Amino acid sequence: MTTSTTVKARVSAMIDREMQRCARAMGDGAWEQHHEWVQAYLVTSAKVWLLEQSRKGAL
């Protein structure tokens, strides 16, 4: 597995876990209403984190 594939898999797993945590915390009704923007926020946050890690040479 290439480094980029490994990083992508790791970040995807992190996003999935956080989505599950948010769904549990928010409850079904709120999750149904807000899951799209929560996912967009998490993906954007992951991109920012990846950029910061890349700049530090940590990836």
PDB file of N, CA and C in Angstrom:
ATOM      1  N   MET A   1       0.844  -1.170   0.000  1.00  0.00           N
ATOM      2  CA  MET A   1       0.000   0.000   0.000  1.00  0.00           C
ATOM      3  C   MET A   1       0.894   1.240   0.000  1.00  0.00           C
ATOM      4  N   THR A   2       0.587   2.204  -0.859  1.00  0.00           N
ATOM      5  CA  THR A   2       1.396   3.416  -0.921  1.00  0.00           C
ATOM      6  C   THR A   2       1.114   4.316   0.275  1.00  0.00           C
ATOM      7  N   THR A   3       2.016   5.236   0.499  1.00  0.00           N
ATOM      8  CA  THR A   3       1.854   6.164   1.620  1.00  0.00           C
ATOM      9  C   THR A   3       0.577   6.969   1.477  1.00  0.00           C
ATOM     10  N   SER A   4       0.295   7.469   0.277  1.00  0.00           N
ATOM     11  CA  SER A   4      -0.912   8.273   0.090  1.00  0.00           C
ATOM     12  C   SER A   4      -2.176   7.448   0.333  1.00  0.00           C
ATOM     13  N   THR A   5      -2.159   6.194  -0.070  1.00  0.00           N
ATOM     14  CA  THR A   5      -3.308   5.323   0.168  1.00  0.00           C
ATOM     15  C   THR A   5      -3.470   5.064   1.658  1.00  0.00           C
ATOM     16  N   THR A   6      -2.381   4.883   2.354  1.00  0.00           N
ATOM     17  CA  THR A   6      -2.420   4.662   3.795  1.00  0.00           C
ATOM     18  C   THR A   6      -2.973   5.882   4.516  1.00  0.00           C
ATOM     19  N   VAL A   7      -2.498   7.060   4.137  1.00  0.00           N
ATOM     20  CA  VAL A   7      -2.974   8.298   4.754  1.00  0.00           C
ATOM     21  C   VAL A   7      -4.461   8.494   4.471  1.00  0.00           C
ATOM     22  N   LYS A   8      -4.860   8.256   3.232  1.00  0.00           N
ATOM     23  CA  LYS A   8      -6.274   8.404   2.867  1.00  0.00           C
ATOM     24  C   LYS A   8      -7.151   7.452   3.676  1.00  0.00           C
ATOM     25  N   ALA A   9      -6.724   6.222   3.827  1.00  0.00           N
ATOM     26  CA  ALA A   9      -7.483   5.243   4.597  1.00  0.00           C
ATOM     27  C   ALA A   9      -7.573   5.657   6.062  1.00  0.00           C
ATOM     28  N   ARG A  10      -6.479   6.149   6.609  1.00  0.00           N
ATOM     29  CA  ARG A  10      -6.459   6.576   8.010  1.00  0.00           C
ATOM     30  C   ARG A  10      -7.409   7.750   8.238  1.00  0.00           C
ATOM     31  N   VAL A  11      -7.338   8.738   7.361  1.00  0.00           N
ATOM     32  CA  VAL A  11      -8.195   9.918   7.509  1.00  0.00           C
ATOM     33  C   VAL A  11      -9.664   9.544   7.292  1.00  0.00           C
ATOM     34  N   SER A  12      -9.932   8.689   6.336  1.00  0.00           N
ATOM     35  CA  SER A  12     -11.314   8.240   6.107  1.00  0.00           C
ATOM     36  C   SER A  12     -11.870   7.531   7.332  1.00  0.00           C
ATOM     37  N   ALA A  13     -11.057   6.703   7.955  1.00  0.00           N
ATOM     38  CA  ALA A  13     -11.483   5.998   9.169  1.00  0.00           C
ATOM     39  C   ALA A  13     -11.733   6.989  10.306  1.00  0.00           C
ATOM     40  N   MET A  14     -10.881   8.009  10.413  1.00  0.00           N
ATOM     41  CA  MET A  14     -11.061   9.029  11.446  1.00  0.00           C
ATOM     42  C   MET A  14     -12.378   9.779  11.236  1.00  0.00           C
ATOM     43  N   ILE A  15     -12.670  10.132   9.994  1.00  0.00           N
ATOM     44  CA  ILE A  15     -13.914  10.834   9.673  1.00  0.00           C
ATOM     45  C   ILE A  15     -15.113   9.945   9.982  1.00  0.00           C
ATOM     46  N   ASP A  16     -15.042   8.687   9.589  1.00  0.00           N
ATOM     47  CA  ASP A  16     -16.149   7.754   9.851  1.00  0.00           C
ATOM     48  C   ASP A  16     -16.422   7.617  11.344  1.00  0.00           C
ATOM     49  N   ARG A  17     -15.362   7.485  12.141  1.00  0.00           N
ATOM     50  CA  ARG A  17     -15.543   7.362  13.594  1.00  0.00           C
ATOM     51  C   ARG A  17     -16.177   8.622  14.181  1.00  0.00           C
ATOM     52  N   GLU A  18     -15.746   9.776  13.704  1.00  0.00           N
ATOM     53  CA  GLU A  18     -16.296  11.028  14.214  1.00  0.00           C
ATOM     54  C   GLU A  18     -17.751  11.202  13.774  1.00  0.00           C
ATOM     55  N   MET A  19     -18.080  10.773  12.560  1.00  0.00           N
ATOM     56  CA  MET A  19     -19.468  10.825  12.095  1.00  0.00           C
ATOM     57  C   MET A  19     -20.347   9.956  12.991  1.00  0.00           C
ATOM     58  N   GLN A  20     -19.873   8.772  13.332  1.00  0.00           N
ATOM     59  CA  GLN A  20     -20.631   7.875  14.210  1.00  0.00           C
ATOM     60  C   GLN A  20     -20.806   8.480  15.602  1.00  0.00           C
ATOM     61  N   ARG A  21     -19.744   9.096  16.110  1.00  0.00           N
ATOM     62  CA  ARG A  21     -19.809   9.730  17.429  1.00  0.00           C
ATOM     63  C   ARG A  21     -20.836  10.865  17.421  1.00  0.00           C
ATOM     64  N   CYS A  22     -20.805  11.680  16.380  1.00  0.00           N
ATOM     65  CA  CYS A  22     -21.747  12.796  16.276  1.00  0.00           C
ATOM     66  C   CYS A  22     -23.182  12.300  16.152  1.00  0.00           C
ATOM     67  N   ALA A  23     -23.394  11.264  15.361  1.00  0.00           N
ATOM     68  CA  ALA A  23     -24.739  10.713  15.192  1.00  0.00           C
ATOM     69  C   ALA A  23     -25.296  10.229  16.535  1.00  0.00           C
ATOM     70  N   ARG A  24     -24.460   9.557  17.320  1.00  0.00           N
ATOM     71  CA  ARG A  24     -24.898   9.088  18.639  1.00  0.00           C
ATOM     72  C   ARG A  24     -25.209  10.263  19.564  1.00  0.00           C
ATOM     73  N   ALA A  25     -24.345  11.268  19.544  1.00  0.00           N
ATOM     74  CA  ALA A  25     -24.509  12.410  20.443  1.00  0.00           C
ATOM     75  C   ALA A  25     -25.723  13.266  20.078  1.00  0.00           C
ATOM     76  N   MET A  26     -25.991  13.403  18.791  1.00  0.00           N
ATOM     77  CA  MET A  26     -27.072  14.278  18.337  1.00  0.00           C
ATOM     78  C   MET A  26     -28.442  13.618  18.398  1.00  0.00           C
ATOM     79  N   GLY A  27     -28.499  12.322  18.249  1.00  0.00           N
ATOM     80  CA  GLY A  27     -29.781  11.632  18.188  1.00  0.00           C
ATOM     81  C   GLY A  27     -30.296  11.601  16.758  1.00  0.00           C
ATOM     82  N   ASP A  28     -31.253  10.733  16.519  1.00  0.00           N
ATOM     83  CA  ASP A  28     -31.722  10.487  15.161  1.00  0.00           C
ATOM     84  C   ASP A  28     -32.319  11.719  14.482  1.00  0.00           C
ATOM     85  N   GLY A  29     -33.172  12.450  15.182  1.00  0.00           N
ATOM     86  CA  GLY A  29     -33.837  13.602  14.573  1.00  0.00           C
ATOM     87  C   GLY A  29     -32.870  14.687  14.162  1.00  0.00           C
ATOM     88  N   ALA A  30     -32.008  15.075  15.078  1.00  0.00           N
ATOM     89  CA  ALA A  30     -31.025  16.120  14.781  1.00  0.00           C
ATOM     90  C   ALA A  30     -30.024  15.642  13.732  1.00  0.00           C
ATOM     91  N   TRP A  31     -29.643  14.375  13.819  1.00  0.00           N
ATOM     92  CA  TRP A  31     -28.688  13.838  12.854  1.00  0.00           C
ATOM     93  C   TRP A  31     -29.279  13.867  11.444  1.00  0.00           C
ATOM     94  N   GLU A  32     -30.525  13.487  11.307  1.00  0.00           N
ATOM     95  CA  GLU A  32     -31.180  13.503   9.997  1.00  0.00           C
ATOM     96  C   GLU A  32     -31.183  14.914   9.422  1.00  0.00           C
ATOM     97  N   GLN A  33     -31.383  15.889  10.274  1.00  0.00           N
ATOM     98  CA  GLN A  33     -31.459  17.273   9.828  1.00  0.00           C
ATOM     99  C   GLN A  33     -30.080  17.863   9.522  1.00  0.00           C
ATOM    100  N   HIS A  34     -29.072  17.490  10.267  1.00  0.00           N
ATOM    101  CA  HIS A  34     -27.782  18.191  10.203  1.00  0.00           C
ATOM    102  C   HIS A  34     -26.608  17.375   9.685  1.00  0.00           C
ATOM    103  N   HIS A  35     -26.790  16.108   9.328  1.00  0.00           N
ATOM    104  CA  HIS A  35     -25.641  15.261   9.001  1.00  0.00           C
ATOM    105  C   HIS A  35     -24.832  15.760   7.802  1.00  0.00           C
ATOM    106  N   GLU A  36     -25.472  16.409   6.858  1.00  0.00           N
ATOM    107  CA  GLU A  36     -24.730  16.878   5.676  1.00  0.00           C
ATOM    108  C   GLU A  36     -23.708  17.948   6.031  1.00  0.00           C
ATOM    109  N   TRP A  37     -24.119  18.942   6.836  1.00  0.00           N
ATOM    110  CA  TRP A  37     -23.152  19.983   7.168  1.00  0.00           C
ATOM    111  C   TRP A  37     -22.112  19.480   8.151  1.00  0.00           C
ATOM    112  N   VAL A  38     -22.476  18.537   9.022  1.00  0.00           N
ATOM    113  CA  VAL A  38     -21.484  17.947   9.929  1.00  0.00           C
ATOM    114  C   VAL A  38     -20.416  17.224   9.113  1.00  0.00           C
ATOM    115  N   GLN A  39     -20.836  16.449   8.121  1.00  0.00           N
ATOM    116  CA  GLN A  39     -19.879  15.743   7.269  1.00  0.00           C
ATOM    117  C   GLN A  39     -18.987  16.729   6.517  1.00  0.00           C
ATOM    118  N   ALA A  40     -19.577  17.786   5.967  1.00  0.00           N
ATOM    119  CA  ALA A  40     -18.786  18.793   5.246  1.00  0.00           C
ATOM    120  C   ALA A  40     -17.757  19.435   6.177  1.00  0.00           C
ATOM    121  N   TYR A  41     -18.165  19.728   7.407  1.00  0.00           N
ATOM    122  CA  TYR A  41     -17.262  20.322   8.388  1.00  0.00           C
ATOM    123  C   TYR A  41     -16.112  19.376   8.726  1.00  0.00           C
ATOM    124  N   LEU A  42     -16.435  18.106   8.932  1.00  0.00           N
ATOM    125  CA  LEU A  42     -15.406  17.125   9.268  1.00  0.00           C
ATOM    126  C   LEU A  42     -14.415  16.926   8.125  1.00  0.00           C
ATOM    127  N   VAL A  43     -14.913  16.860   6.907  1.00  0.00           N
ATOM    128  CA  VAL A  43     -14.028  16.680   5.754  1.00  0.00           C
ATOM    129  C   VAL A  43     -13.124  17.901   5.587  1.00  0.00           C
ATOM    130  N   THR A  44     -13.686  19.092   5.720  1.00  0.00           N
ATOM    131  CA  THR A  44     -12.886  20.315   5.614  1.00  0.00           C
ATOM    132  C   THR A  44     -11.840  20.367   6.716  1.00  0.00           C
ATOM    133  N   SER A  45     -12.234  20.009   7.931  1.00  0.00           N
ATOM    134  CA  SER A  45     -11.286  19.985   9.054  1.00  0.00           C
ATOM    135  C   SER A  45     -10.165  18.991   8.811  1.00  0.00           C
ATOM    136  N   ALA A  46     -10.494  17.843   8.240  1.00  0.00           N
ATOM    137  CA  ALA A  46      -9.474  16.837   7.931  1.00  0.00           C
ATOM    138  C   ALA A  46      -8.495  17.366   6.888  1.00  0.00           C
ATOM    139  N   LYS A  47      -9.000  18.086   5.900  1.00  0.00           N
ATOM    140  CA  LYS A  47      -8.120  18.660   4.874  1.00  0.00           C
ATOM    141  C   LYS A  47      -7.166  19.676   5.482  1.00  0.00           C
ATOM    142  N   VAL A  48      -7.665  20.505   6.378  1.00  0.00           N
ATOM    143  CA  VAL A  48      -6.815  21.490   7.058  1.00  0.00           C
ATOM    144  C   VAL A  48      -5.752  20.768   7.879  1.00  0.00           C
ATOM    145  N   TRP A  49      -6.157  19.725   8.611  1.00  0.00           N
ATOM    146  CA  TRP A  49      -5.212  18.963   9.419  1.00  0.00           C
ATOM    147  C   TRP A  49      -4.134  18.325   8.544  1.00  0.00           C
ATOM    148  N   LEU A  50      -4.545  17.749   7.414  1.00  0.00           N
ATOM    149  CA  LEU A  50      -3.578  17.138   6.499  1.00  0.00           C
ATOM    150  C   LEU A  50      -2.591  18.163   5.964  1.00  0.00           C
ATOM    151  N   LEU A  51      -3.081  19.340   5.616  1.00  0.00           N
ATOM    152  CA  LEU A  51      -2.204  20.387   5.120  1.00  0.00           C
ATOM    153  C   LEU A  51      -1.191  20.798   6.183  1.00  0.00           C
ATOM    154  N   GLU A  52      -1.664  20.963   7.421  1.00  0.00           N
ATOM    155  CA  GLU A  52      -0.757  21.325   8.518  1.00  0.00           C
ATOM    156  C   GLU A  52       0.280  20.235   8.759  1.00  0.00           C
ATOM    157  N   GLN A  53      -0.150  18.990   8.759  1.00  0.00           N
ATOM    158  CA  GLN A  53       0.771  17.874   8.970  1.00  0.00           C
ATOM    159  C   GLN A  53       1.798  17.807   7.832  1.00  0.00           C
ATOM    160  N   SER A  54       1.347  18.056   6.634  1.00  0.00           N
ATOM    161  CA  SER A  54       2.233  18.031   5.471  1.00  0.00           C
ATOM    162  C   SER A  54       3.286  19.129   5.570  1.00  0.00           C
ATOM    163  N   ARG A  55       2.864  20.307   5.966  1.00  0.00           N
ATOM    164  CA  ARG A  55       3.801  21.434   6.113  1.00  0.00           C
ATOM    165  C   ARG A  55       4.859  21.156   7.177  1.00  0.00           C
ATOM    166  N   LYS A  56       4.476  20.414   8.209  1.00  0.00           N
ATOM    167  CA  LYS A  56       5.413  20.050   9.275  1.00  0.00           C
ATOM    168  C   LYS A  56       6.314  18.886   8.876  1.00  0.00           C
ATOM    169  N   GLY A  57       5.980  18.240   7.756  1.00  0.00           N
ATOM    170  CA  GLY A  57       6.730  17.072   7.337  1.00  0.00           C
ATOM    171  C   GLY A  57       6.356  15.811   8.116  1.00  0.00           C
ATOM    172  N   ALA A  58       5.176  15.832   8.715  1.00  0.00           N
ATOM    173  CA  ALA A  58       4.760  14.722   9.572  1.00  0.00           C
ATOM    174  C   ALA A  58       4.050  13.606   8.822  1.00  0.00           C
ATOM    175  N   LEU A  59       3.834  13.761   7.533  1.00  0.00           N
ATOM    176  CA  LEU A  59       3.145  12.716   6.761  1.00  0.00           C
ATOM    177  C   LEU A  59       4.142  11.885   5.995  1.00  0.00           C
TER     178      LEU A  59
END
